[in-house]
C-alpha cells in the first residue's frame, strides 16, 4: 500500500509543469531529504516498465515517456508551401 507521503510526492511530480528539486519536495512535504530519496526510489521502481518513468536530471525529478514509446507521441504536420 502506498503511504500518504509517497502519494503526495507522486501527485506533485505528476502535476508539475517543470522538474522538481528533491530538497524542495522534501521541504514541501515536511520530511528529510533521505526519506524523500527512498520514496522517489519506490515510485521509480513501481513505474519501471510502464508507460511512464520517473527520472532525475541535474538533481530535479520528473515523469517522462520511456524512449521506446516516444515515437507514439510525435505528431506529424503537413507543411504548406507556395508553388513558384
N, C-alpha and C. Protein backbone atom coordinates (compact mmCIF):
# COMPACT_ATOMS: atom_id res chain seq x y z
N UNK A 1 0.84 -1.18 0.00
CA UNK A 1 0.00 0.00 0.00
C UNK A 1 0.89 1.25 0.00
N UNK A 2 0.47 2.25 -0.70
CA UNK A 2 1.22 3.50 -0.82
C UNK A 2 0.87 4.41 0.35
N UNK A 3 1.91 4.93 1.03
CA UNK A 3 1.63 5.81 2.17
C UNK A 3 1.34 7.24 1.70
N UNK A 4 0.92 8.07 2.62
CA UNK A 4 0.49 9.44 2.29
C UNK A 4 1.62 10.27 1.70
N UNK A 5 2.84 10.13 2.21
CA UNK A 5 3.97 10.90 1.68
C UNK A 5 4.28 10.51 0.24
N UNK A 6 4.24 9.21 -0.04
CA UNK A 6 4.50 8.75 -1.40
C UNK A 6 3.43 9.26 -2.35
N UNK A 7 2.20 9.22 -1.92
CA UNK A 7 1.10 9.73 -2.75
C UNK A 7 1.30 11.22 -3.03
N UNK A 8 1.70 11.97 -2.00
CA UNK A 8 1.89 13.41 -2.16
C UNK A 8 3.02 13.71 -3.14
N UNK A 9 4.13 13.00 -3.01
CA UNK A 9 5.27 13.21 -3.92
C UNK A 9 4.86 12.89 -5.35
N UNK A 10 4.20 11.77 -5.53
CA UNK A 10 3.78 11.36 -6.87
C UNK A 10 2.82 12.38 -7.47
N UNK A 11 1.89 12.88 -6.69
CA UNK A 11 0.93 13.87 -7.18
C UNK A 11 1.63 15.16 -7.59
N UNK A 12 2.58 15.62 -6.77
CA UNK A 12 3.29 16.86 -7.10
C UNK A 12 4.12 16.69 -8.37
N UNK A 13 4.78 15.56 -8.51
CA UNK A 13 5.58 15.33 -9.71
C UNK A 13 4.70 15.23 -10.95
N UNK A 14 3.57 14.57 -10.82
CA UNK A 14 2.67 14.40 -11.96
C UNK A 14 2.07 15.73 -12.41
N UNK A 15 1.71 16.56 -11.46
CA UNK A 15 1.02 17.81 -11.78
C UNK A 15 1.95 18.94 -12.17
N UNK A 16 3.21 18.81 -11.86
CA UNK A 16 4.15 19.90 -12.11
C UNK A 16 4.45 20.06 -13.60
N UNK A 17 4.57 21.31 -14.03
CA UNK A 17 4.92 21.57 -15.42
C UNK A 17 6.43 21.67 -15.63
N UNK A 18 7.20 21.50 -14.56
CA UNK A 18 8.66 21.53 -14.63
C UNK A 18 9.22 20.52 -13.64
N UNK A 19 10.42 20.00 -13.90
CA UNK A 19 11.04 19.08 -12.95
C UNK A 19 11.19 19.73 -11.57
N UNK A 20 11.10 18.91 -10.52
CA UNK A 20 11.14 19.41 -9.15
C UNK A 20 12.42 18.97 -8.44
N UNK A 21 12.98 19.89 -7.68
CA UNK A 21 14.17 19.65 -6.88
C UNK A 21 13.83 18.79 -5.67
N UNK A 22 14.68 17.81 -5.36
CA UNK A 22 14.43 16.90 -4.25
C UNK A 22 14.34 17.65 -2.92
N UNK A 23 15.20 18.63 -2.72
CA UNK A 23 15.18 19.40 -1.48
C UNK A 23 13.86 20.14 -1.32
N UNK A 24 13.39 20.74 -2.41
CA UNK A 24 12.12 21.46 -2.39
C UNK A 24 10.95 20.52 -2.10
N UNK A 25 10.96 19.36 -2.73
CA UNK A 25 9.90 18.37 -2.48
C UNK A 25 9.88 17.97 -1.01
N UNK A 26 11.05 17.68 -0.46
CA UNK A 26 11.14 17.26 0.94
C UNK A 26 10.61 18.35 1.87
N UNK A 27 10.97 19.59 1.60
CA UNK A 27 10.51 20.70 2.43
C UNK A 27 9.00 20.87 2.35
N UNK A 28 8.45 20.76 1.16
CA UNK A 28 7.01 20.95 0.99
C UNK A 28 6.20 19.90 1.73
N UNK A 29 6.74 18.68 1.79
CA UNK A 29 6.03 17.60 2.48
C UNK A 29 6.37 17.58 3.96
N UNK A 30 7.53 18.09 4.30
CA UNK A 30 7.94 18.11 5.70
C UNK A 30 8.67 16.85 6.13
N UNK A 31 9.50 16.31 5.21
CA UNK A 31 10.27 15.11 5.52
C UNK A 31 11.74 15.37 5.21
N UNK A 32 12.60 14.48 5.69
CA UNK A 32 14.04 14.58 5.42
C UNK A 32 14.32 14.21 3.96
N UNK A 33 15.37 14.80 3.41
CA UNK A 33 15.75 14.51 2.02
C UNK A 33 16.06 13.02 1.86
N UNK A 34 16.69 12.40 2.85
CA UNK A 34 16.99 10.96 2.77
C UNK A 34 15.70 10.14 2.66
N UNK A 35 14.69 10.52 3.40
CA UNK A 35 13.40 9.83 3.31
C UNK A 35 12.75 10.05 1.95
N UNK A 36 12.90 11.26 1.44
CA UNK A 36 12.35 11.55 0.12
C UNK A 36 13.03 10.71 -0.95
N UNK A 37 14.33 10.57 -0.85
CA UNK A 37 15.05 9.76 -1.85
C UNK A 37 14.57 8.31 -1.85
N UNK A 38 14.24 7.78 -0.67
CA UNK A 38 13.69 6.43 -0.59
C UNK A 38 12.31 6.38 -1.26
N UNK A 39 11.52 7.40 -1.05
CA UNK A 39 10.20 7.47 -1.69
C UNK A 39 10.35 7.56 -3.20
N UNK A 40 11.26 8.38 -3.68
CA UNK A 40 11.49 8.51 -5.12
C UNK A 40 11.93 7.18 -5.72
N UNK A 41 12.77 6.45 -5.01
CA UNK A 41 13.21 5.13 -5.49
C UNK A 41 12.02 4.18 -5.58
N UNK A 42 11.13 4.23 -4.59
CA UNK A 42 9.94 3.37 -4.62
C UNK A 42 9.02 3.72 -5.79
N UNK A 43 8.83 5.01 -6.01
CA UNK A 43 7.98 5.44 -7.13
C UNK A 43 8.59 5.01 -8.46
N UNK A 44 9.89 5.22 -8.60
CA UNK A 44 10.58 4.84 -9.84
C UNK A 44 10.45 3.33 -10.08
N UNK A 45 10.62 2.53 -9.03
CA UNK A 45 10.52 1.08 -9.16
C UNK A 45 9.11 0.65 -9.54
N UNK A 46 8.11 1.31 -8.95
CA UNK A 46 6.72 0.97 -9.24
C UNK A 46 6.34 1.26 -10.67
N UNK A 47 6.93 2.30 -11.25
CA UNK A 47 6.60 2.67 -12.63
C UNK A 47 7.54 2.06 -13.67
N UNK A 48 8.57 1.38 -13.24
CA UNK A 48 9.51 0.76 -14.18
C UNK A 48 8.77 -0.20 -15.11
N UNK A 49 9.04 -0.06 -16.40
CA UNK A 49 8.41 -0.93 -17.39
C UNK A 49 7.01 -0.55 -17.79
N UNK A 50 6.51 0.59 -17.28
CA UNK A 50 5.17 1.05 -17.65
C UNK A 50 5.27 2.14 -18.72
N UNK A 51 4.19 2.82 -18.96
CA UNK A 51 4.15 3.87 -19.98
C UNK A 51 4.73 5.20 -19.53
N UNK A 52 5.09 5.30 -18.26
CA UNK A 52 5.78 6.49 -17.76
C UNK A 52 6.92 6.04 -16.86
N UNK A 53 7.94 6.88 -16.75
CA UNK A 53 9.05 6.58 -15.86
C UNK A 53 9.45 7.83 -15.11
N UNK A 54 9.95 7.63 -13.91
CA UNK A 54 10.42 8.73 -13.09
C UNK A 54 11.92 8.82 -13.27
N UNK A 55 12.40 10.00 -13.65
CA UNK A 55 13.83 10.18 -13.90
C UNK A 55 14.35 11.42 -13.17
N UNK A 56 15.65 11.39 -12.90
CA UNK A 56 16.32 12.52 -12.28
C UNK A 56 17.34 13.07 -13.26
N UNK A 57 17.32 14.38 -13.42
CA UNK A 57 18.31 15.06 -14.25
C UNK A 57 18.75 16.32 -13.52
N UNK A 58 20.02 16.39 -13.24
CA UNK A 58 20.55 17.58 -12.59
C UNK A 58 19.93 17.86 -11.23
N UNK A 59 19.59 16.81 -10.49
CA UNK A 59 19.00 16.98 -9.17
C UNK A 59 17.52 17.29 -9.17
N UNK A 60 16.90 17.28 -10.33
CA UNK A 60 15.47 17.55 -10.46
C UNK A 60 14.78 16.29 -10.99
N UNK A 61 13.57 16.05 -10.50
CA UNK A 61 12.83 14.85 -10.83
C UNK A 61 11.58 15.17 -11.65
N UNK A 62 11.26 14.27 -12.59
CA UNK A 62 10.03 14.42 -13.37
C UNK A 62 9.64 13.08 -13.99
N UNK A 63 8.39 13.01 -14.39
CA UNK A 63 7.91 11.85 -15.14
C UNK A 63 8.12 12.13 -16.63
N UNK A 64 8.43 11.07 -17.37
CA UNK A 64 8.56 11.20 -18.81
C UNK A 64 8.11 9.91 -19.47
N UNK A 65 7.92 9.98 -20.77
CA UNK A 65 7.60 8.81 -21.56
C UNK A 65 8.89 8.04 -21.82
N UNK A 66 8.89 6.73 -21.66
CA UNK A 66 10.10 5.97 -21.96
C UNK A 66 10.51 6.17 -23.42
N UNK A 67 11.80 6.15 -23.67
CA UNK A 67 12.33 6.40 -25.01
C UNK A 67 11.75 5.47 -26.07
N UNK A 68 11.48 4.22 -25.69
CA UNK A 68 10.97 3.27 -26.68
C UNK A 68 9.52 3.54 -27.08
N UNK A 69 8.83 4.46 -26.38
CA UNK A 69 7.45 4.81 -26.72
C UNK A 69 7.31 6.22 -27.28
N UNK A 70 8.39 6.96 -27.31
CA UNK A 70 8.33 8.37 -27.73
C UNK A 70 7.77 8.53 -29.15
N UNK A 71 8.06 7.58 -30.01
CA UNK A 71 7.58 7.68 -31.39
C UNK A 71 6.05 7.73 -31.47
N UNK A 72 5.38 7.16 -30.49
CA UNK A 72 3.91 7.17 -30.49
C UNK A 72 3.33 8.54 -30.19
N UNK A 73 4.12 9.41 -29.61
CA UNK A 73 3.64 10.72 -29.21
C UNK A 73 4.00 11.83 -30.19
N UNK A 74 4.81 11.51 -31.17
CA UNK A 74 5.20 12.52 -32.15
C UNK A 74 4.02 12.81 -33.07
N UNK A 75 3.86 14.07 -33.37
CA UNK A 75 2.79 14.47 -34.29
C UNK A 75 3.43 14.88 -35.61
N UNK A 76 2.84 14.39 -36.67
CA UNK A 76 3.32 14.79 -37.99
C UNK A 76 2.46 15.96 -38.47
N UNK A 77 3.12 16.94 -39.05
CA UNK A 77 2.40 18.11 -39.55
C UNK A 77 2.66 18.24 -41.03
N UNK A 78 1.61 18.57 -41.74
CA UNK A 78 1.77 18.87 -43.16
C UNK A 78 2.31 20.29 -43.28
N UNK A 79 3.30 20.46 -44.10
CA UNK A 79 3.88 21.77 -44.30
C UNK A 79 3.36 22.32 -45.62
N UNK A 80 2.70 23.47 -45.55
CA UNK A 80 2.14 24.11 -46.73
C UNK A 80 3.22 24.98 -47.35
N UNK A 81 3.48 24.74 -48.62
CA UNK A 81 4.48 25.52 -49.33
C UNK A 81 3.86 26.17 -50.56
N UNK A 82 4.29 27.38 -50.83
CA UNK A 82 3.82 28.05 -52.05
C UNK A 82 4.57 27.50 -53.24
N UNK A 83 3.83 27.32 -54.30
CA UNK A 83 4.48 26.88 -55.54
C UNK A 83 5.05 28.10 -56.25
N UNK A 84 6.21 27.92 -56.83
CA UNK A 84 6.84 29.06 -57.52
C UNK A 84 6.40 29.12 -58.96
